[in-house]
């Protein structure tokens, strides 16, 4: 069985951090304007996004969160940290796109589309995926 473990998409984490820092700076502005309830909500959202992104990045870099594509299918963790496996018979196609400088992988099945943001495919892995039959 040939396995491909996707690389960590650092741009995804940078975008999350920049958006969180923008929320924090807006919260500072609203605190100066005496709009405390809006500022508190933005502050809580920004701090929790930063915390979740840092924890996810540490788990990804340590290898505990990973996406594996093999000739039997694809294995990944969903949003609720449950391991999911999609057999290769259900996968219709696998596409990669760039959205705002962020590489997005979409796995199309018969029933739904799975979008992976925190991982990316290298050029060498694309060649292997063509050999496995996932990319045309």
Protein backbone atom coordinates (compact mmCIF):
# COMPACT_ATOMS: atom_id res chain seq x y z
CA UNK A 1 0.00 0.00 0.00
CA UNK A 2 1.50 3.33 -1.06
CA UNK A 3 0.68 6.15 1.36
CA UNK A 4 1.01 9.90 0.89
CA UNK A 5 0.95 12.10 3.95
CA UNK A 6 0.09 15.63 3.00
CA UNK A 7 2.26 18.55 4.10
CA UNK A 8 1.22 21.20 6.61
CA UNK A 9 -0.27 24.26 4.92
CA UNK A 10 1.54 27.08 6.77
CA UNK A 11 -0.30 29.76 4.75
CA UNK A 12 -3.59 28.58 6.30
CA UNK A 13 -2.25 29.19 9.80
CA UNK A 14 -0.83 32.58 8.80
CA UNK A 15 -4.21 33.67 7.42
CA UNK A 16 -5.98 32.54 10.61
CA UNK A 17 -3.45 34.40 12.75
CA UNK A 18 -3.69 37.57 10.66
CA UNK A 19 -7.49 37.52 10.78
CA UNK A 20 -7.38 37.00 14.54
CA UNK A 21 -4.92 39.86 14.98
CA UNK A 22 -7.20 42.08 12.87
CA UNK A 23 -10.09 41.17 15.19
CA UNK A 24 -7.93 41.97 18.21
CA UNK A 25 -7.00 45.37 16.82
CA UNK A 26 -10.66 46.10 16.01
CA UNK A 27 -11.55 45.08 19.58
CA UNK A 28 -8.98 47.58 20.87
CA UNK A 29 -10.57 50.28 18.69
CA UNK A 30 -14.07 49.44 19.99
CA UNK A 31 -12.82 49.47 23.59
CA UNK A 32 -11.54 53.01 23.01
CA UNK A 33 -14.96 53.98 21.61
CA UNK A 34 -16.73 52.58 24.72
CA UNK A 35 -18.48 49.78 22.80
CA UNK A 36 -17.55 47.17 25.36
CA UNK A 37 -19.97 44.35 24.46
CA UNK A 38 -18.88 44.26 20.81
CA UNK A 39 -15.23 44.56 21.79
CA UNK A 40 -15.55 41.73 24.31
CA UNK A 41 -17.17 39.46 21.73
CA UNK A 42 -14.44 40.20 19.18
CA UNK A 43 -11.74 39.70 21.80
CA UNK A 44 -13.14 36.29 22.82
CA UNK A 45 -13.48 35.16 19.18
CA UNK A 46 -9.95 36.29 18.31
CA UNK A 47 -8.30 34.71 21.36
CA UNK A 48 -10.16 31.41 20.87
CA UNK A 49 -9.25 31.33 17.15
CA UNK A 50 -5.59 31.93 17.97
CA UNK A 51 -5.64 29.24 20.67
CA UNK A 52 -7.36 26.67 18.44
CA UNK A 53 -5.02 27.40 15.52
CA UNK A 54 -1.93 27.05 17.73
CA UNK A 55 -3.15 23.77 19.23
CA UNK A 56 -4.06 22.41 15.79
CA UNK A 57 -0.69 23.50 14.38
CA UNK A 58 1.21 21.82 17.24
CA UNK A 59 -0.78 18.60 16.81
CA UNK A 60 -0.26 18.68 13.05
CA UNK A 61 3.47 19.27 13.33
CA UNK A 62 3.79 16.47 15.90
CA UNK A 63 2.06 14.06 13.49
CA UNK A 64 -1.07 13.46 15.53
CA UNK A 65 -3.28 15.13 12.94
CA UNK A 66 -2.61 14.06 9.40
CA UNK A 67 -4.27 13.29 6.12
CA UNK A 68 -3.20 10.08 4.43
CA UNK A 69 -4.07 9.24 0.84
CA UNK A 70 -3.44 5.68 -0.29
CA UNK A 71 -4.73 3.31 -2.94
CA UNK A 72 -7.48 2.14 -0.53
CA UNK A 73 -8.81 5.67 0.05
CA UNK A 74 -8.29 8.77 2.17
CA UNK A 75 -8.03 9.03 5.94
CA UNK A 76 -8.49 12.38 7.72
CA UNK A 77 -9.75 14.00 10.92
CA UNK A 78 -13.00 15.93 10.69
CA UNK A 79 -13.88 19.16 12.53
CA UNK A 80 -14.90 17.23 15.66
CA UNK A 81 -11.57 15.33 15.77
CA UNK A 82 -13.05 12.04 14.63
CA UNK A 83 -11.01 9.88 12.28
CA UNK A 84 -12.83 9.42 8.99
CA UNK A 85 -12.00 7.08 6.14
CA UNK A 86 -13.35 7.39 2.62
CA UNK A 87 -12.78 4.30 0.43
CA UNK A 88 -11.33 4.88 -3.01
CA UNK A 89 -14.51 3.52 -4.64
CA UNK A 90 -16.46 6.52 -3.30
CA UNK A 91 -13.95 9.16 -4.47
CA UNK A 92 -14.88 10.60 -7.85
CA UNK A 93 -12.09 13.16 -8.14
CA UNK A 94 -9.55 15.13 -6.15
CA UNK A 95 -8.93 18.79 -6.99
CA UNK A 96 -6.51 21.42 -5.74
CA UNK A 97 -7.21 25.14 -6.00
CA UNK A 98 -5.75 28.42 -4.85
CA UNK A 99 -8.09 30.75 -2.97
CA UNK A 100 -6.48 34.03 -1.85
CA UNK A 101 -3.06 32.40 -1.84
CA UNK A 102 -4.35 29.46 0.20
CA UNK A 103 -4.06 25.97 -1.31
CA UNK A 104 -7.34 24.12 -0.90
CA UNK A 105 -7.75 20.38 -1.51
CA UNK A 106 -11.23 19.14 -2.31
CA UNK A 107 -12.08 15.44 -2.29
CA UNK A 108 -15.28 14.87 -4.27
CA UNK A 109 -17.32 11.79 -3.41
CA UNK A 110 -20.69 10.61 -4.70
CA UNK A 111 -22.51 12.25 -1.77
CA UNK A 112 -20.41 15.24 -0.63
CA UNK A 113 -17.26 17.29 -1.03
CA UNK A 114 -14.57 17.23 1.66
CA UNK A 115 -12.45 20.39 1.87
CA UNK A 116 -8.99 20.27 3.45
CA UNK A 117 -7.42 23.63 4.36
CA UNK A 118 -4.62 22.80 6.77
CA UNK A 119 -2.81 20.45 4.39
CA UNK A 120 -1.33 20.71 0.91
CA UNK A 121 0.01 18.46 -1.82
CA UNK A 122 3.55 18.82 -3.15
CA UNK A 123 4.45 18.44 -6.83
CA UNK A 124 6.01 15.03 -6.21
CA UNK A 125 2.87 13.90 -4.42
CA UNK A 126 0.73 15.10 -7.34
CA UNK A 127 2.71 12.77 -9.61
CA UNK A 128 2.08 9.88 -7.21
CA UNK A 129 -1.63 10.73 -7.07
CA UNK A 130 -1.79 10.59 -10.86
CA UNK A 131 -0.26 7.11 -10.70
CA UNK A 132 -2.79 6.08 -8.04
CA UNK A 133 -5.59 7.36 -10.30
CA UNK A 134 -6.88 10.23 -8.14
CA UNK A 135 -5.81 13.08 -10.42
CA UNK A 136 -6.29 13.18 -14.16
